[in-house]
Amino acid sequence: GASAVVARLPNIGFAPSALTEKGFETRGSFTVRKSRAGESFYLRVYGKLNHNIRCTLRGYRNLMGDFTGNTIYTGFKKIYTGKSQLHTSHIPRGIVGEFDIMTCRDLGNGEVQYFRIRYD
């Protein structure tokens, strides 16, 4: 069988995120907007003016059956960089039980924020 490592996740709670529910969310000096494009979507991230930013999008899956309550990393990872703002390429929609976490870092002042996108 396959082996997996239980994921270490940031403490951002379990409630549906504003990004999932409303299509946008602001945390600290970052704002993320989600736009649909057919069966995919893309994200636009806005940070502080004239600050370099880097965002990493990672995929996760909630396990079921004997492993309920555990989350594993799916292997999906994309890194995006920009100045003041960035736009992702098209991101394929995940399946039920999967979610992505985007980690955004301001390279000027070190601020880090986390955003969750869930597929239910």
Foldseek 3Di string as FASTA:
>chain_A
DDDFDFDDDDPPDDPDDCCQVPQWDDDDQKIKGWADDVQWIKIKIFGDAFWKKKKKKWKKFQDDDPRGPTITTPPDIDMWIDTRMTMDDTGGDDAARMKMKMWMAGPPPGDIDIDIHHDD
